[in-house]
Amino acid sequence: MSVNKKISSIAFKCRGLFWALFAAAALVFPSEFGPGRYSAGMLIVISGQLVRFWAAGYIPKYRTEKIGAPILVTWGPYSWIRNPLYAGNFIMGLGWALMLGWMWVAAFTAAFLLLYCFIVIPAEEEFLASKFGPQYLAYRENVPSLFPYPRKGFPENSPYSQPFDRGRAWSEEIYSIRMNILVTVLISARLYITHL
């Protein structure tokens, strides 16, 4: 599926804005506090951030305004799914949405799939296919995009694989971690005020 270059460029540049809009909407529209939902949501948010941290320790600098990739990373979490950073985003968003209520889960899922699955990811895949050719096409054929499916055993190790780099993960993810804490605090405060 080919994506309009102008739309994909804008969507890629503004992909972080999606989370700011989500947080702003959560502050504007009231939600009911549910202790079970809130606790489950918090665990899901933490799980999503852990997935992102794991992925960030394997990939070179990814915080860019233009789609790019110096190398094709196919090891670590990238041997299970092609987009573990976005999968982490999805998991965190589901956690926040669950904290807010079931209607938020449906709305968030629809918005995420529209932005990421129909615009951002296809545009990135077009770039990767043009840069890495058959190597990327074989990888795409064998590894799912966002959700791992059952396989026969574990994925094969890449001969080019590099170890997890904790320093890289921290330096790349510190901004996300701070923003995710801020969004979680804002949602928690909003739910607390609504519950009073």
C-alpha atoms as a PDB file:
ATOM      1  CA  MET A   1       0.000   0.000   0.000  1.00  0.00           C
ATOM      2  CA  SER A   2       1.516   3.290  -1.107  1.00  0.00           C
ATOM      3  CA  VAL A   3       1.138   6.295   1.170  1.00  0.00           C
ATOM      4  CA  ASN A   4       0.934   9.915   0.042  1.00  0.00           C
ATOM      5  CA  LYS A   5       4.422  11.305   0.730  1.00  0.00           C
ATOM      6  CA  LYS A   6       3.223  14.678   2.017  1.00  0.00           C
ATOM      7  CA  ILE A   7       0.695  13.124   4.422  1.00  0.00           C
ATOM      8  CA  SER A   8       3.172  10.513   5.648  1.00  0.00           C
ATOM      9  CA  SER A   9       5.883  13.143   6.162  1.00  0.00           C
ATOM     10  CA  ILE A  10       3.555  15.316   8.257  1.00  0.00           C
ATOM     11  CA  ALA A  11       2.236  12.297  10.192  1.00  0.00           C
ATOM     12  CA  PHE A  12       5.776  11.058  10.923  1.00  0.00           C
ATOM     13  CA  LYS A  13       6.930  14.484  12.099  1.00  0.00           C
ATOM     14  CA  CYS A  14       3.865  14.933  14.296  1.00  0.00           C
ATOM     15  CA  ARG A  15       3.553  11.368  15.600  1.00  0.00           C
ATOM     16  CA  GLY A  16       4.482  12.569  19.104  1.00  0.00           C
ATOM     17  CA  LEU A  17       1.665  15.127  18.975  1.00  0.00           C
ATOM     18  CA  PHE A  18      -0.798  12.226  18.954  1.00  0.00           C
ATOM     19  CA  TRP A  19       0.035  11.547  22.612  1.00  0.00           C
ATOM     20  CA  ALA A  20      -0.291  15.211  23.601  1.00  0.00           C
ATOM     21  CA  LEU A  21      -3.754  15.329  21.982  1.00  0.00           C
ATOM     22  CA  PHE A  22      -4.711  12.125  23.768  1.00  0.00           C
ATOM     23  CA  ALA A  23      -3.625  13.547  27.139  1.00  0.00           C
ATOM     24  CA  ALA A  24      -5.400  16.862  26.449  1.00  0.00           C
ATOM     25  CA  ALA A  25      -8.623  15.050  25.539  1.00  0.00           C
ATOM     26  CA  ALA A  26      -8.367  13.019  28.758  1.00  0.00           C
ATOM     27  CA  LEU A  27      -8.180  16.245  30.764  1.00  0.00           C
ATOM     28  CA  VAL A  28     -11.121  17.872  28.985  1.00  0.00           C
ATOM     29  CA  PHE A  29     -13.626  15.013  28.983  1.00  0.00           C
ATOM     30  CA  PRO A  30     -14.652  13.622  32.376  1.00  0.00           C
ATOM     31  CA  SER A  31     -14.160   9.946  33.180  1.00  0.00           C
ATOM     32  CA  GLU A  32     -15.224   7.724  36.024  1.00  0.00           C
ATOM     33  CA  PHE A  33     -12.602   6.380  38.391  1.00  0.00           C
ATOM     34  CA  GLY A  34     -12.567   2.583  38.705  1.00  0.00           C
ATOM     35  CA  PRO A  35      -9.893   1.253  41.101  1.00  0.00           C
ATOM     36  CA  GLY A  36      -9.583  -2.117  39.307  1.00  0.00           C
ATOM     37  CA  ARG A  37      -9.420  -0.497  35.874  1.00  0.00           C
ATOM     38  CA  TYR A  38      -6.960   2.102  37.137  1.00  0.00           C
ATOM     39  CA  SER A  39      -4.604  -0.515  38.636  1.00  0.00           C
ATOM     40  CA  ALA A  40      -4.742  -2.733  35.538  1.00  0.00           C
ATOM     41  CA  GLY A  41      -4.170   0.322  33.340  1.00  0.00           C
ATOM     42  CA  MET A  42      -1.129   1.376  35.368  1.00  0.00           C
ATOM     43  CA  LEU A  43       0.438  -2.101  34.989  1.00  0.00           C
ATOM     44  CA  ILE A  44      -0.220  -1.994  31.239  1.00  0.00           C
ATOM     45  CA  VAL A  45       1.380   1.475  30.960  1.00  0.00           C
ATOM     46  CA  ILE A  46       4.507   0.232  32.771  1.00  0.00           C
ATOM     47  CA  SER A  47       4.617  -2.853  30.507  1.00  0.00           C
ATOM     48  CA  GLY A  48       4.446  -0.657  27.414  1.00  0.00           C
ATOM     49  CA  GLN A  49       7.301   1.528  28.628  1.00  0.00           C
ATOM     50  CA  LEU A  50       9.399  -1.583  29.335  1.00  0.00           C
ATOM     51  CA  VAL A  51       8.793  -2.784  25.756  1.00  0.00           C
ATOM     52  CA  ARG A  52       9.924   0.615  24.448  1.00  0.00           C
ATOM     53  CA  PHE A  53      13.017   0.603  26.673  1.00  0.00           C
ATOM     54  CA  TRP A  54      13.917  -2.903  25.476  1.00  0.00           C
ATOM     55  CA  ALA A  55      13.529  -1.857  21.830  1.00  0.00           C
ATOM     56  CA  ALA A  56      15.487   1.409  22.304  1.00  0.00           C
ATOM     57  CA  GLY A  57      18.519  -0.546  23.514  1.00  0.00           C
ATOM     58  CA  TYR A  58      18.923  -2.194  20.118  1.00  0.00           C
ATOM     59  CA  ILE A  59      18.213   0.512  17.562  1.00  0.00           C
ATOM     60  CA  PRO A  60      20.421   3.469  16.619  1.00  0.00           C
ATOM     61  CA  LYS A  61      19.085   6.986  17.072  1.00  0.00           C
ATOM     62  CA  TYR A  62      15.420   6.968  16.146  1.00  0.00           C
ATOM     63  CA  ARG A  63      14.206  10.391  17.313  1.00  0.00           C
ATOM     64  CA  THR A  64      14.226  12.070  13.926  1.00  0.00           C
ATOM     65  CA  GLU A  65      11.842  14.243  11.958  1.00  0.00           C
ATOM     66  CA  LYS A  66      12.429  12.303   8.741  1.00  0.00           C
ATOM     67  CA  ILE A  67      12.050   8.606   8.117  1.00  0.00           C
ATOM     68  CA  GLY A  68      15.483   7.001   8.077  1.00  0.00           C
ATOM     69  CA  ALA A  69      17.486   3.978   9.173  1.00  0.00           C
ATOM     70  CA  PRO A  70      21.287   3.639   9.113  1.00  0.00           C
ATOM     71  CA  ILE A  71      20.988  -0.156   9.511  1.00  0.00           C
ATOM     72  CA  LEU A  72      18.221  -2.754   9.411  1.00  0.00           C
ATOM     73  CA  VAL A  73      17.797  -4.055  12.971  1.00  0.00           C
ATOM     74  CA  THR A  74      16.347  -7.578  13.022  1.00  0.00           C
ATOM     75  CA  TRP A  75      17.474  -8.805  16.453  1.00  0.00           C
ATOM     76  CA  GLY A  76      16.306  -8.352  20.052  1.00  0.00           C
ATOM     77  CA  PRO A  77      12.598  -7.445  20.097  1.00  0.00           C
ATOM     78  CA  TYR A  78      12.857  -6.742  16.350  1.00  0.00           C
ATOM     79  CA  SER A  79      13.125 -10.485  15.767  1.00  0.00           C
ATOM     80  CA  TRP A  80       9.616 -10.865  17.223  1.00  0.00           C
ATOM     81  CA  ILE A  81       7.909  -7.804  15.716  1.00  0.00           C
ATOM     82  CA  ARG A  82       9.041  -5.184  13.223  1.00  0.00           C
ATOM     83  CA  ASN A  83       7.776  -2.189  15.222  1.00  0.00           C
ATOM     84  CA  PRO A  84       8.363  -2.786  18.955  1.00  0.00           C
ATOM     85  CA  LEU A  85       8.582   0.955  19.737  1.00  0.00           C
ATOM     86  CA  TYR A  86       5.115   1.480  18.275  1.00  0.00           C
ATOM     87  CA  ALA A  87       3.874  -1.688  19.983  1.00  0.00           C
ATOM     88  CA  GLY A  88       5.087  -0.168  23.275  1.00  0.00           C
ATOM     89  CA  ASN A  89       3.204   3.023  22.423  1.00  0.00           C
ATOM     90  CA  PHE A  90       0.060   1.007  21.732  1.00  0.00           C
ATOM     91  CA  ILE A  91       0.359  -0.881  25.025  1.00  0.00           C
ATOM     92  CA  MET A  92       0.890   2.357  26.993  1.00  0.00           C
ATOM     93  CA  GLY A  93      -2.021   4.061  25.238  1.00  0.00           C
ATOM     94  CA  LEU A  94      -4.261   1.096  26.023  1.00  0.00           C
ATOM     95  CA  GLY A  95      -3.228   1.373  29.668  1.00  0.00           C
ATOM     96  CA  TRP A  96      -4.094   5.067  29.840  1.00  0.00           C
ATOM     97  CA  ALA A  97      -7.343   4.481  27.966  1.00  0.00           C
ATOM     98  CA  LEU A  98      -8.284   1.673  30.361  1.00  0.00           C
ATOM     99  CA  MET A  99      -7.626   3.975  33.325  1.00  0.00           C
ATOM    100  CA  LEU A 100     -10.146   6.377  31.773  1.00  0.00           C
ATOM    101  CA  GLY A 101     -12.836   3.873  30.764  1.00  0.00           C
ATOM    102  CA  TRP A 102     -13.900   1.357  28.136  1.00  0.00           C
ATOM    103  CA  MET A 103     -15.100   3.940  25.610  1.00  0.00           C
ATOM    104  CA  TRP A 104     -11.615   5.456  25.724  1.00  0.00           C
ATOM    105  CA  VAL A 105     -10.121   2.041  24.882  1.00  0.00           C
ATOM    106  CA  ALA A 106     -12.245   1.852  21.718  1.00  0.00           C
ATOM    107  CA  ALA A 107     -11.516   5.466  20.711  1.00  0.00           C
ATOM    108  CA  PHE A 108      -7.777   5.161  21.349  1.00  0.00           C
ATOM    109  CA  THR A 109      -7.491   1.866  19.452  1.00  0.00           C
ATOM    110  CA  ALA A 110      -9.291   3.300  16.412  1.00  0.00           C
ATOM    111  CA  ALA A 111      -7.149   6.473  16.399  1.00  0.00           C
ATOM    112  CA  PHE A 112      -3.895   4.547  16.872  1.00  0.00           C
ATOM    113  CA  LEU A 113      -4.655   2.071  14.096  1.00  0.00           C
ATOM    114  CA  LEU A 114      -5.628   4.877  11.735  1.00  0.00           C
ATOM    115  CA  LEU A 115      -2.476   6.940  12.352  1.00  0.00           C
ATOM    116  CA  TYR A 116       0.138   4.219  12.777  1.00  0.00           C
ATOM    117  CA  CYS A 117      -1.134   1.216  10.803  1.00  0.00           C
ATOM    118  CA  PHE A 118      -2.464   3.146   7.802  1.00  0.00           C
ATOM    119  CA  ILE A 119      -0.047   6.088   7.571  1.00  0.00           C
ATOM    120  CA  VAL A 120       3.172   5.964   9.628  1.00  0.00           C
ATOM    121  CA  ILE A 121       4.138   2.277   9.416  1.00  0.00           C
ATOM    122  CA  PRO A 122       3.379   1.871   5.671  1.00  0.00           C
ATOM    123  CA  ALA A 123       5.466   4.987   4.917  1.00  0.00           C
ATOM    124  CA  GLU A 124       8.382   3.622   6.961  1.00  0.00           C
ATOM    125  CA  GLU A 125       8.060   0.247   5.243  1.00  0.00           C
ATOM    126  CA  GLU A 126       8.191   1.880   1.815  1.00  0.00           C
ATOM    127  CA  PHE A 127      11.431   3.592   2.824  1.00  0.00           C
ATOM    128  CA  LEU A 128      12.951   0.410   4.281  1.00  0.00           C
ATOM    129  CA  ALA A 129      12.011  -1.649   1.216  1.00  0.00           C
ATOM    130  CA  SER A 130      13.620   0.927  -1.081  1.00  0.00           C
ATOM    131  CA  LYS A 131      16.797   1.140   1.050  1.00  0.00           C
ATOM    132  CA  PHE A 132      17.339  -2.488   2.055  1.00  0.00           C
ATOM    133  CA  GLY A 133      15.533  -4.265  -0.797  1.00  0.00           C
ATOM    134  CA  PRO A 134      15.323  -8.077  -0.606  1.00  0.00           C
ATOM    135  CA  GLN A 135      16.809  -8.157   2.908  1.00  0.00           C
ATOM    136  CA  TYR A 136      13.929  -6.061   4.243  1.00  0.00           C
ATOM    137  CA  LEU A 137      11.288  -7.823   2.126  1.00  0.00           C
ATOM    138  CA  ALA A 138      12.367 -11.217   3.533  1.00  0.00           C
ATOM    139  CA  TYR A 139      12.294  -9.765   7.062  1.00  0.00           C
ATOM    140  CA  ARG A 140       8.806  -8.300   6.488  1.00  0.00           C
ATOM    141  CA  GLU A 141       7.612 -11.632   5.130  1.00  0.00           C
ATOM    142  CA  ASN A 142       8.711 -13.528   8.252  1.00  0.00           C
ATOM    143  CA  VAL A 143       8.180 -11.074  11.125  1.00  0.00           C
ATOM    144  CA  PRO A 144       4.789  -9.523  11.999  1.00  0.00           C
ATOM    145  CA  SER A 145       4.385  -5.752  12.245  1.00  0.00           C
ATOM    146  CA  LEU A 146       2.969  -5.033  15.715  1.00  0.00           C
ATOM    147  CA  PHE A 147       1.563  -8.186  17.290  1.00  0.00           C
ATOM    148  CA  PRO A 148       3.640 -11.370  17.576  1.00  0.00           C
ATOM    149  CA  TYR A 149       1.888 -14.493  16.397  1.00  0.00           C
ATOM    150  CA  PRO A 150       2.683 -18.057  17.468  1.00  0.00           C
ATOM    151  CA  ARG A 151       5.706 -19.491  15.688  1.00  0.00           C
ATOM    152  CA  LYS A 152       7.493 -22.780  15.582  1.00  0.00           C
ATOM    153  CA  GLY A 153      10.114 -22.159  18.255  1.00  0.00           C
ATOM    154  CA  PHE A 154      12.128 -18.992  18.763  1.00  0.00           C
ATOM    155  CA  PRO A 155      13.220 -16.685  15.928  1.00  0.00           C
ATOM    156  CA  GLU A 156      16.638 -17.310  14.465  1.00  0.00           C
ATOM    157  CA  ASN A 157      19.531 -15.157  15.702  1.00  0.00           C
ATOM    158  CA  SER A 158      20.859 -12.666  13.203  1.00  0.00           C
ATOM    159  CA  PRO A 159      24.578 -12.988  12.390  1.00  0.00           C
ATOM    160  CA  TYR A 160      24.747  -9.188  12.744  1.00  0.00           C
ATOM    161  CA  SER A 161      23.032  -8.978  16.124  1.00  0.00           C
ATOM    162  CA  GLN A 162      24.425  -6.633  18.751  1.00  0.00           C
ATOM    163  CA  PRO A 163      23.871  -6.787  22.516  1.00  0.00           C
ATOM    164  CA  PHE A 164      21.357  -4.658  24.382  1.00  0.00           C
ATOM    165  CA  ASP A 165      22.860  -1.227  25.095  1.00  0.00           C
ATOM    166  CA  ARG A 166      21.443   0.135  28.360  1.00  0.00           C
ATOM    167  CA  GLY A 167      23.136   3.523  27.901  1.00  0.00           C
ATOM    168  CA  ARG A 168      21.586   3.934  24.464  1.00  0.00           C
ATOM    169  CA  ALA A 169      18.187   2.888  25.812  1.00  0.00           C
ATOM    170  CA  TRP A 170      18.391   5.518  28.587  1.00  0.00           C
ATOM    171  CA  SER A 171      19.601   8.302  26.321  1.00  0.00           C
ATOM    172  CA  GLU A 172      16.965   7.563  23.662  1.00  0.00           C
ATOM    173  CA  GLU A 173      14.071   6.891  26.028  1.00  0.00           C
ATOM    174  CA  ILE A 174      14.563   9.469  28.794  1.00  0.00           C
ATOM    175  CA  TYR A 175      12.343  11.968  26.976  1.00  0.00           C
ATOM    176  CA  SER A 176       9.597   9.344  26.499  1.00  0.00           C
ATOM    177  CA  ILE A 177       9.858   8.226  30.111  1.00  0.00           C
ATOM    178  CA  ARG A 178       9.453  11.817  31.353  1.00  0.00           C
ATOM    179  CA  MET A 179       6.514  12.467  29.025  1.00  0.00           C
ATOM    180  CA  ASN A 180       4.864   9.172  29.978  1.00  0.00           C
ATOM    181  CA  ILE A 181       5.171   9.976  33.663  1.00  0.00           C
ATOM    182  CA  LEU A 182       3.660  13.420  32.987  1.00  0.00           C
ATOM    183  CA  VAL A 183       0.720  11.950  31.033  1.00  0.00           C
ATOM    184  CA  THR A 184       0.139   9.333  33.753  1.00  0.00           C
ATOM    185  CA  VAL A 185       0.182  11.993  36.488  1.00  0.00           C
ATOM    186  CA  LEU A 186      -2.215  14.233  34.534  1.00  0.00           C
ATOM    187  CA  ILE A 187      -4.654  11.378  33.902  1.00  0.00           C
ATOM    188  CA  SER A 188      -4.404  10.270  37.544  1.00  0.00           C
ATOM    189  CA  ALA A 189      -5.039  13.834  38.758  1.00  0.00           C
ATOM    190  CA  ARG A 190      -8.021  14.190  36.407  1.00  0.00           C
ATOM    191  CA  LEU A 191      -9.514  10.921  37.656  1.00  0.00           C
ATOM    192  CA  TYR A 192      -8.902  11.935  41.282  1.00  0.00           C
ATOM    193  CA  ILE A 193     -10.640  15.307  40.781  1.00  0.00           C
ATOM    194  CA  THR A 194     -13.583  13.626  39.013  1.00  0.00           C
ATOM    195  CA  HIS A 195     -13.838  11.073  41.832  1.00  0.00           C
ATOM    196  CA  LEU A 196     -14.121  13.757  44.550  1.00  0.00           C
END
